[in-house]
Amino acid sequence: TIETTLVERMIEVILKDLAAAFEPLSPVLFQF
């Protein structure tokens, strides 16, 4: 459970950075 929680937080950070990377091209919303 601890590993899954840490991984979930890491994925949320990655999705947020991906949305910022795609922002110059098109608004994107990545959902977990």
PDB file of all heavy atoms in Angstrom:
ATOM      1  N   THR A   1       0.826  -1.204   0.000  1.00  0.00           N
ATOM      2  CA  THR A   1       0.000   0.000   0.000  1.00  0.00           C
ATOM      3  C   THR A   1       0.861   1.255   0.000  1.00  0.00           C
ATOM      4  O   THR A   1       0.547   2.247  -0.675  1.00  0.00           O
ATOM      5  CB  THR A   1      -0.919  -0.006   1.229  1.00  0.00           C
ATOM      6  OG1 THR A   1      -1.697  -1.211   1.236  1.00  0.00           O
ATOM      7  CG2 THR A   1      -1.856   1.193   1.214  1.00  0.00           C
ATOM      8  N   ILE A   2       1.970   1.246   0.733  1.00  0.00           N
ATOM      9  CA  ILE A   2       2.863   2.406   0.774  1.00  0.00           C
ATOM     10  C   ILE A   2       3.488   2.632  -0.599  1.00  0.00           C
ATOM     11  O   ILE A   2       3.549   3.768  -1.094  1.00  0.00           O
ATOM     12  CB  ILE A   2       3.953   2.214   1.849  1.00  0.00           C
ATOM     13  CG1 ILE A   2       3.311   2.144   3.237  1.00  0.00           C
ATOM     14  CG2 ILE A   2       4.978   3.328   1.787  1.00  0.00           C
ATOM     15  CD1 ILE A   2       4.311   1.902   4.350  1.00  0.00           C
ATOM     16  N   GLU A   3       3.937   1.557  -1.231  1.00  0.00           N
ATOM     17  CA  GLU A   3       4.536   1.692  -2.552  1.00  0.00           C
ATOM     18  C   GLU A   3       3.516   2.192  -3.562  1.00  0.00           C
ATOM     19  O   GLU A   3       3.826   3.045  -4.405  1.00  0.00           O
ATOM     20  CB  GLU A   3       5.116   0.342  -2.992  1.00  0.00           C
ATOM     21  CG  GLU A   3       6.303  -0.109  -2.161  1.00  0.00           C
ATOM     22  CD  GLU A   3       6.745  -1.509  -2.522  1.00  0.00           C
ATOM     23  OE1 GLU A   3       5.962  -2.224  -3.197  1.00  0.00           O
ATOM     24  OE2 GLU A   3       7.862  -1.898  -2.141  1.00  0.00           O
ATOM     25  N   THR A   4       2.312   1.682  -3.488  1.00  0.00           N
ATOM     26  CA  THR A   4       1.267   2.127  -4.425  1.00  0.00           C
ATOM     27  C   THR A   4       0.941   3.600  -4.232  1.00  0.00           C
ATOM     28  O   THR A   4       0.742   4.335  -5.208  1.00  0.00           O
ATOM     29  CB  THR A   4      -0.002   1.276  -4.239  1.00  0.00           C
ATOM     30  OG1 THR A   4       0.326  -0.109  -4.388  1.00  0.00           O
ATOM     31  CG2 THR A   4      -1.058   1.654  -5.262  1.00  0.00           C
ATOM     32  N   THR A   5       0.894   4.055  -2.984  1.00  0.00           N
ATOM     33  CA  THR A   5       0.609   5.472  -2.720  1.00  0.00           C
ATOM     34  C   THR A   5       1.721   6.370  -3.249  1.00  0.00           C
ATOM     35  O   THR A   5       1.456   7.422  -3.855  1.00  0.00           O
ATOM     36  CB  THR A   5       0.423   5.696  -1.215  1.00  0.00           C
ATOM     37  OG1 THR A   5      -0.615   4.833  -0.725  1.00  0.00           O
ATOM     38  CG2 THR A   5       0.056   7.142  -0.925  1.00  0.00           C
ATOM     39  N   LEU A   6       2.971   5.969  -3.039  1.00  0.00           N
ATOM     40  CA  LEU A   6       4.091   6.764  -3.545  1.00  0.00           C
ATOM     41  C   LEU A   6       4.100   6.802  -5.065  1.00  0.00           C
ATOM     42  O   LEU A   6       4.371   7.843  -5.679  1.00  0.00           O
ATOM     43  CB  LEU A   6       5.411   6.197  -3.012  1.00  0.00           C
ATOM     44  CG  LEU A   6       5.629   6.299  -1.498  1.00  0.00           C
ATOM     45  CD1 LEU A   6       6.950   5.639  -1.114  1.00  0.00           C
ATOM     46  CD2 LEU A   6       5.618   7.746  -1.047  1.00  0.00           C
ATOM     47  N   VAL A   7       3.789   5.674  -5.687  1.00  0.00           N
ATOM     48  CA  VAL A   7       3.749   5.623  -7.150  1.00  0.00           C
ATOM     49  C   VAL A   7       2.625   6.493  -7.687  1.00  0.00           C
ATOM     50  O   VAL A   7       2.772   7.197  -8.696  1.00  0.00           O
ATOM     51  CB  VAL A   7       3.603   4.167  -7.618  1.00  0.00           C
ATOM     52  CG1 VAL A   7       3.329   4.114  -9.110  1.00  0.00           C
ATOM     53  CG2 VAL A   7       4.859   3.384  -7.291  1.00  0.00           C
ATOM     54  N   GLU A   8       1.500   6.477  -7.013  1.00  0.00           N
ATOM     55  CA  GLU A   8       0.376   7.307  -7.459  1.00  0.00           C
ATOM     56  C   GLU A   8       0.732   8.786  -7.414  1.00  0.00           C
ATOM     57  O   GLU A   8       0.396   9.548  -8.325  1.00  0.00           O
ATOM     58  CB  GLU A   8      -0.839   7.026  -6.593  1.00  0.00           C
ATOM     59  CG  GLU A   8      -2.085   7.787  -7.019  1.00  0.00           C
ATOM     60  CD  GLU A   8      -3.285   7.422  -6.177  1.00  0.00           C
ATOM     61  OE1 GLU A   8      -3.209   6.404  -5.450  1.00  0.00           O
ATOM     62  OE2 GLU A   8      -4.304   8.144  -6.246  1.00  0.00           O
ATOM     63  N   ARG A   9       1.436   9.207  -6.367  1.00  0.00           N
ATOM     64  CA  ARG A   9       1.857  10.611  -6.286  1.00  0.00           C
ATOM     65  C   ARG A   9       2.868  10.944  -7.376  1.00  0.00           C
ATOM     66  O   ARG A   9       2.847  12.032  -7.948  1.00  0.00           O
ATOM     67  CB  ARG A   9       2.449  10.899  -4.912  1.00  0.00           C
ATOM     68  CG  ARG A   9       1.434  10.826  -3.778  1.00  0.00           C
ATOM     69  CD  ARG A   9       2.058  11.207  -2.446  1.00  0.00           C
ATOM     70  NE  ARG A   9       1.080  11.163  -1.367  1.00  0.00           N
ATOM     71  CZ  ARG A   9       1.349  11.469  -0.103  1.00  0.00           C
ATOM     72  NH1 ARG A   9       2.571  11.839   0.239  1.00  0.00           N
ATOM     73  NH2 ARG A   9       0.406  11.394   0.818  1.00  0.00           N
ATOM     74  N   MET A  10       3.760   9.993  -7.657  1.00  0.00           N
ATOM     75  CA  MET A  10       4.730  10.224  -8.728  1.00  0.00           C
ATOM     76  C   MET A  10       4.018  10.360 -10.071  1.00  0.00           C
ATOM     77  O   MET A  10       4.371  11.214 -10.895  1.00  0.00           O
ATOM     78  CB  MET A  10       5.738   9.075  -8.770  1.00  0.00           C
ATOM     79  CG  MET A  10       6.799   9.225  -9.858  1.00  0.00           C
ATOM     80  SD  MET A  10       7.796   7.745 -10.089  1.00  0.00           S
ATOM     81  CE  MET A  10       6.579   6.598 -10.728  1.00  0.00           C
ATOM     82  N   ILE A  11       3.009   9.546 -10.303  1.00  0.00           N
ATOM     83  CA  ILE A  11       2.268   9.615 -11.563  1.00  0.00           C
ATOM     84  C   ILE A  11       1.539  10.951 -11.681  1.00  0.00           C
ATOM     85  O   ILE A  11       1.479  11.551 -12.765  1.00  0.00           O
ATOM     86  CB  ILE A  11       1.286   8.436 -11.658  1.00  0.00           C
ATOM     87  CG1 ILE A  11       2.062   7.125 -11.763  1.00  0.00           C
ATOM     88  CG2 ILE A  11       0.361   8.602 -12.849  1.00  0.00           C
ATOM     89  CD1 ILE A  11       1.182   5.894 -11.755  1.00  0.00           C
ATOM     90  N   GLU A  12       1.001  11.451 -10.591  1.00  0.00           N
ATOM     91  CA  GLU A  12       0.321  12.741 -10.632  1.00  0.00           C
ATOM     92  C   GLU A  12       1.292  13.862 -10.993  1.00  0.00           C
ATOM     93  O   GLU A  12       0.943  14.778 -11.742  1.00  0.00           O
ATOM     94  CB  GLU A  12      -0.334  13.011  -9.275  1.00  0.00           C
ATOM     95  CG  GLU A  12      -1.518  12.101  -8.969  1.00  0.00           C
ATOM     96  CD  GLU A  12      -2.100  12.346  -7.590  1.00  0.00           C
ATOM     97  OE1 GLU A  12      -1.493  13.138  -6.844  1.00  0.00           O
ATOM     98  OE2 GLU A  12      -3.146  11.758  -7.269  1.00  0.00           O
ATOM     99  N   VAL A  13       2.513  13.794 -10.482  1.00  0.00           N
ATOM    100  CA  VAL A  13       3.525  14.798 -10.839  1.00  0.00           C
ATOM    101  C   VAL A  13       3.879  14.701 -12.318  1.00  0.00           C
ATOM    102  O   VAL A  13       4.006  15.716 -13.025  1.00  0.00           O
ATOM    103  CB  VAL A  13       4.779  14.627  -9.966  1.00  0.00           C
ATOM    104  CG1 VAL A  13       5.892  15.555 -10.428  1.00  0.00           C
ATOM    105  CG2 VAL A  13       4.447  14.913  -8.495  1.00  0.00           C
ATOM    106  N   ILE A  14       4.017  13.472 -12.811  1.00  0.00           N
ATOM    107  CA  ILE A  14       4.353  13.277 -14.226  1.00  0.00           C
ATOM    108  C   ILE A  14       3.228  13.794 -15.123  1.00  0.00           C
ATOM    109  O   ILE A  14       3.476  14.470 -16.134  1.00  0.00           O
ATOM    110  CB  ILE A  14       4.637  11.789 -14.504  1.00  0.00           C
ATOM    111  CG1 ILE A  14       5.896  11.347 -13.755  1.00  0.00           C
ATOM    112  CG2 ILE A  14       4.789  11.538 -16.001  1.00  0.00           C
ATOM    113  CD1 ILE A  14       6.186   9.862 -13.890  1.00  0.00           C
ATOM    114  N   LEU A  15       1.986  13.510 -14.765  1.00  0.00           N
ATOM    115  CA  LEU A  15       0.864  13.976 -15.577  1.00  0.00           C
ATOM    116  C   LEU A  15       0.761  15.500 -15.574  1.00  0.00           C
ATOM    117  O   LEU A  15       0.413  16.108 -16.589  1.00  0.00           O
ATOM    118  CB  LEU A  15      -0.436  13.355 -15.064  1.00  0.00           C
ATOM    119  CG  LEU A  15      -0.562  11.830 -15.199  1.00  0.00           C
ATOM    120  CD1 LEU A  15      -1.889  11.359 -14.654  1.00  0.00           C
ATOM    121  CD2 LEU A  15      -0.379  11.399 -16.640  1.00  0.00           C
ATOM    122  N   LYS A  16       1.072  16.114 -14.438  1.00  0.00           N
ATOM    123  CA  LYS A  16       1.049  17.575 -14.374  1.00  0.00           C
ATOM    124  C   LYS A  16       2.120  18.183 -15.266  1.00  0.00           C
ATOM    125  O   LYS A  16       1.879  19.175 -15.974  1.00  0.00           O
ATOM    126  CB  LYS A  16       1.239  18.030 -12.931  1.00  0.00           C
ATOM    127  CG  LYS A  16       1.151  19.531 -12.742  1.00  0.00           C
ATOM    128  CD  LYS A  16       1.312  19.912 -11.271  1.00  0.00           C
ATOM    129  CE  LYS A  16       1.235  21.421 -11.090  1.00  0.00           C
ATOM    130  NZ  LYS A  16       1.407  21.803  -9.657  1.00  0.00           N
ATOM    131  N   ASP A  17       3.309  17.587 -15.265  1.00  0.00           N
ATOM    132  CA  ASP A  17       4.377  18.088 -16.138  1.00  0.00           C
ATOM    133  C   ASP A  17       4.054  17.830 -17.606  1.00  0.00           C
ATOM    134  O   ASP A  17       4.403  18.646 -18.477  1.00  0.00           O
ATOM    135  CB  ASP A  17       5.706  17.426 -15.764  1.00  0.00           C
ATOM    136  CG  ASP A  17       6.222  17.889 -14.414  1.00  0.00           C
ATOM    137  OD1 ASP A  17       5.764  18.956 -13.949  1.00  0.00           O
ATOM    138  OD2 ASP A  17       7.061  17.189 -13.817  1.00  0.00           O
ATOM    139  N   LEU A  18       3.413  16.730 -17.909  1.00  0.00           N
ATOM    140  CA  LEU A  18       3.015  16.467 -19.293  1.00  0.00           C
ATOM    141  C   LEU A  18       1.996  17.486 -19.784  1.00  0.00           C
ATOM    142  O   LEU A  18       2.055  17.945 -20.932  1.00  0.00           O
ATOM    143  CB  LEU A  18       2.447  15.053 -19.409  1.00  0.00           C
ATOM    144  CG  LEU A  18       3.447  13.901 -19.469  1.00  0.00           C
ATOM    145  CD1 LEU A  18       2.705  12.571 -19.499  1.00  0.00           C
ATOM    146  CD2 LEU A  18       4.364  14.024 -20.663  1.00  0.00           C
ATOM    147  N   ALA A  19       1.066  17.849 -18.912  1.00  0.00           N
ATOM    148  CA  ALA A  19       0.089  18.866 -19.299  1.00  0.00           C
ATOM    149  C   ALA A  19       0.765  20.200 -19.568  1.00  0.00           C
ATOM    150  O   ALA A  19       0.409  20.911 -20.508  1.00  0.00           O
ATOM    151  CB  ALA A  19      -0.963  19.007 -18.197  1.00  0.00           C
ATOM    152  N   ALA A  20       1.780  20.551 -18.754  1.00  0.00           N
ATOM    153  CA  ALA A  20       2.517  21.796 -18.989  1.00  0.00           C
ATOM    154  C   ALA A  20       3.333  21.727 -20.273  1.00  0.00           C
ATOM    155  O   ALA A  20       3.508  22.725 -20.965  1.00  0.00           O
ATOM    156  CB  ALA A  20       3.431  22.092 -17.794  1.00  0.00           C
ATOM    157  N   ALA A  21       3.832  20.535 -20.615  1.00  0.00           N
ATOM    158  CA  ALA A  21       4.617  20.378 -21.847  1.00  0.00           C
ATOM    159  C   ALA A  21       3.746  20.509 -23.084  1.00  0.00           C
ATOM    160  O   ALA A  21       4.177  21.039 -24.110  1.00  0.00           O
ATOM    161  CB  ALA A  21       5.342  19.032 -21.838  1.00  0.00           C
ATOM    162  N   PHE A  22       2.511  20.043 -23.021  1.00  0.00           N
ATOM    163  CA  PHE A  22       1.605  20.131 -24.161  1.00  0.00           C
ATOM    164  C   PHE A  22       0.868  21.466 -24.230  1.00  0.00           C
ATOM    165  O   PHE A  22       0.197  21.737 -25.233  1.00  0.00           O
ATOM    166  CB  PHE A  22       0.574  18.999 -24.103  1.00  0.00           C
ATOM    167  CG  PHE A  22       1.046  17.702 -24.688  1.00  0.00           C
ATOM    168  CD1 PHE A  22       1.661  16.750 -23.893  1.00  0.00           C
ATOM    169  CD2 PHE A  22       0.886  17.437 -26.029  1.00  0.00           C
ATOM    170  CE1 PHE A  22       2.099  15.552 -24.422  1.00  0.00           C
ATOM    171  CE2 PHE A  22       1.323  16.250 -26.576  1.00  0.00           C
ATOM    172  CZ  PHE A  22       1.942  15.296 -25.765  1.00  0.00           C
ATOM    173  N   GLU A  23       0.989  22.285 -23.213  1.00  0.00           N
ATOM    174  CA  GLU A  23       0.251  23.548 -23.172  1.00  0.00           C
ATOM    175  C   GLU A  23       0.568  24.457 -24.363  1.00  0.00           C
ATOM    176  O   GLU A  23      -0.348  25.085 -24.911  1.00  0.00           O
ATOM    177  CB  GLU A  23       0.531  24.272 -21.860  1.00  0.00           C
ATOM    178  CG  GLU A  23      -0.250  25.565 -21.680  1.00  0.00           C
ATOM    179  CD  GLU A  23      -1.746  25.323 -21.561  1.00  0.00           C
ATOM    180  OE1 GLU A  23      -2.137  24.218 -21.136  1.00  0.00           O
ATOM    181  OE2 GLU A  23      -2.517  26.240 -21.907  1.00  0.00           O
ATOM    182  N   PRO A  24       1.836  24.591 -24.804  1.00  0.00           N
ATOM    183  CA  PRO A  24       2.092  25.450 -25.980  1.00  0.00           C
ATOM    184  C   PRO A  24       1.401  24.965 -27.249  1.00  0.00           C
ATOM    185  O   PRO A  24       1.150  25.759 -28.150  1.00  0.00           O
ATOM    186  CB  PRO A  24       3.621  25.397 -26.122  1.00  0.00           C
ATOM    187  CG  PRO A  24       4.119  25.056 -24.763  1.00  0.00           C
ATOM    188  CD  PRO A  24       3.098  24.140 -24.180  1.00  0.00           C
ATOM    189  N   LEU A  25       1.099  23.674 -27.324  1.00  0.00           N
ATOM    190  CA  LEU A  25       0.449  23.142 -28.523  1.00  0.00           C
ATOM    191  C   LEU A  25      -1.066  23.139 -28.394  1.00  0.00           C
ATOM    192  O   LEU A  25      -1.776  23.611 -29.276  1.00  0.00           O
ATOM    193  CB  LEU A  25       0.949  21.711 -28.783  1.00  0.00           C
ATOM    194  CG  LEU A  25       2.437  21.572 -29.115  1.00  0.00           C
ATOM    195  CD1 LEU A  25       2.816  20.110 -29.197  1.00  0.00           C
ATOM    196  CD2 LEU A  25       2.776  22.281 -30.414  1.00  0.00           C
ATOM    197  N   SER A  26      -1.541  22.609 -27.293  1.00  0.00           N
ATOM    198  CA  SER A  26      -2.979  22.502 -27.102  1.00  0.00           C
ATOM    199  C   SER A  26      -3.253  22.229 -25.625  1.00  0.00           C
ATOM    200  O   SER A  26      -2.503  21.473 -24.995  1.00  0.00           O
ATOM    201  CB  SER A  26      -3.557  21.367 -27.957  1.00  0.00           C
ATOM    202  OG  SER A  26      -4.944  21.207 -27.703  1.00  0.00           O
ATOM    203  N   PRO A  27      -4.284  22.832 -25.053  1.00  0.00           N
ATOM    204  CA  PRO A  27      -4.617  22.542 -23.648  1.00  0.00           C
ATOM    205  C   PRO A  27      -4.966  21.066 -23.468  1.00  0.00           C
ATOM    206  O   PRO A  27      -5.816  20.523 -24.175  1.00  0.00           O
ATOM    207  CB  PRO A  27      -5.820  23.450 -23.373  1.00  0.00           C
ATOM    208  CG  PRO A  27      -5.745  24.520 -24.429  1.00  0.00           C
ATOM    209  CD  PRO A  27      -5.155  23.864 -25.635  1.00  0.00           C
ATOM    210  N   VAL A  28      -4.304  20.416 -22.536  1.00  0.00           N
ATOM    211  CA  VAL A  28      -4.495  18.989 -22.301  1.00  0.00           C
ATOM    212  C   VAL A  28      -4.711  18.767 -20.809  1.00  0.00           C
ATOM    213  O   VAL A  28      -4.041  19.390 -19.980  1.00  0.00           O
ATOM    214  CB  VAL A  28      -3.285  18.163 -22.784  1.00  0.00           C
ATOM    215  CG1 VAL A  28      -3.510  16.679 -22.521  1.00  0.00           C
ATOM    216  CG2 VAL A  28      -3.029  18.402 -24.251  1.00  0.00           C
ATOM    217  N   LEU A  29      -5.622  17.897 -20.480  1.00  0.00           N
ATOM    218  CA  LEU A  29      -5.894  17.533 -19.095  1.00  0.00           C
ATOM    219  C   LEU A  29      -5.720  16.025 -18.955  1.00  0.00           C
ATOM    220  O   LEU A  29      -6.500  15.236 -19.487  1.00  0.00           O
ATOM    221  CB  LEU A  29      -7.310  17.944 -18.678  1.00  0.00           C
ATOM    222  CG  LEU A  29      -7.716  17.549 -17.245  1.00  0.00           C
ATOM    223  CD1 LEU A  29      -6.782  18.199 -16.234  1.00  0.00           C
ATOM    224  CD2 LEU A  29      -9.166  17.912 -16.981  1.00  0.00           C
ATOM    225  N   PHE A  30      -4.644  15.615 -18.258  1.00  0.00           N
ATOM    226  CA  PHE A  30      -4.396  14.203 -18.002  1.00  0.00           C
ATOM    227  C   PHE A  30      -5.004  13.838 -16.646  1.00  0.00           C
ATOM    228  O   PHE A  30      -4.703  14.482 -15.637  1.00  0.00           O
ATOM    229  CB  PHE A  30      -2.896  13.901 -17.989  1.00  0.00           C
ATOM    230  CG  PHE A  30      -2.234  14.071 -19.335  1.00  0.00           C
ATOM    231  CD1 PHE A  30      -1.574  15.252 -19.647  1.00  0.00           C
ATOM    232  CD2 PHE A  30      -2.267  13.060 -20.271  1.00  0.00           C
ATOM    233  CE1 PHE A  30      -0.961  15.412 -20.873  1.00  0.00           C
ATOM    234  CE2 PHE A  30      -1.663  13.214 -21.509  1.00  0.00           C
ATOM    235  CZ  PHE A  30      -1.009  14.396 -21.807  1.00  0.00           C
ATOM    236  N   GLN A  31      -5.824  12.810 -16.640  1.00  0.00           N
ATOM    237  CA  GLN A  31      -6.475  12.367 -15.416  1.00  0.00           C
ATOM    238  C   GLN A  31      -5.991  10.973 -15.037  1.00  0.00           C
ATOM    239  O   GLN A  31      -5.803  10.106 -15.905  1.00  0.00           O
ATOM    240  CB  GLN A  31      -7.995  12.351 -15.583  1.00  0.00           C
ATOM    241  CG  GLN A  31      -8.606  13.729 -15.789  1.00  0.00           C
ATOM    242  CD  GLN A  31     -10.117  13.670 -15.924  1.00  0.00           C
ATOM    243  OE1 GLN A  31     -10.682  12.585 -16.058  1.00  0.00           O
ATOM    244  NE2 GLN A  31     -10.768  14.809 -15.881  1.00  0.00           N
ATOM    245  N   PHE A  32      -5.769  10.793 -13.746  1.00  0.00           N
ATOM    246  CA  PHE A  32      -5.338   9.497 -13.234  1.00  0.00           C
ATOM    247  C   PHE A  32      -6.551   8.574 -13.136  1.00  0.00           C
ATOM    248  O   PHE A  32      -7.540   8.886 -12.462  1.00  0.00           O
ATOM    249  CB  PHE A  32      -4.673   9.682 -11.869  1.00  0.00           C
ATOM    250  CG  PHE A  32      -4.276   8.387 -11.217  1.00  0.00           C
ATOM    251  CD1 PHE A  32      -3.140   7.717 -11.617  1.00  0.00           C
ATOM    252  CD2 PHE A  32      -5.058   7.846 -10.211  1.00  0.00           C
ATOM    253  CE1 PHE A  32      -2.774   6.522 -11.016  1.00  0.00           C
ATOM    254  CE2 PHE A  32      -4.703   6.659  -9.612  1.00  0.00           C
ATOM    255  CZ  PHE A  32      -3.556   5.992 -10.012  1.00  0.00           C
TER     256      PHE A  32
END
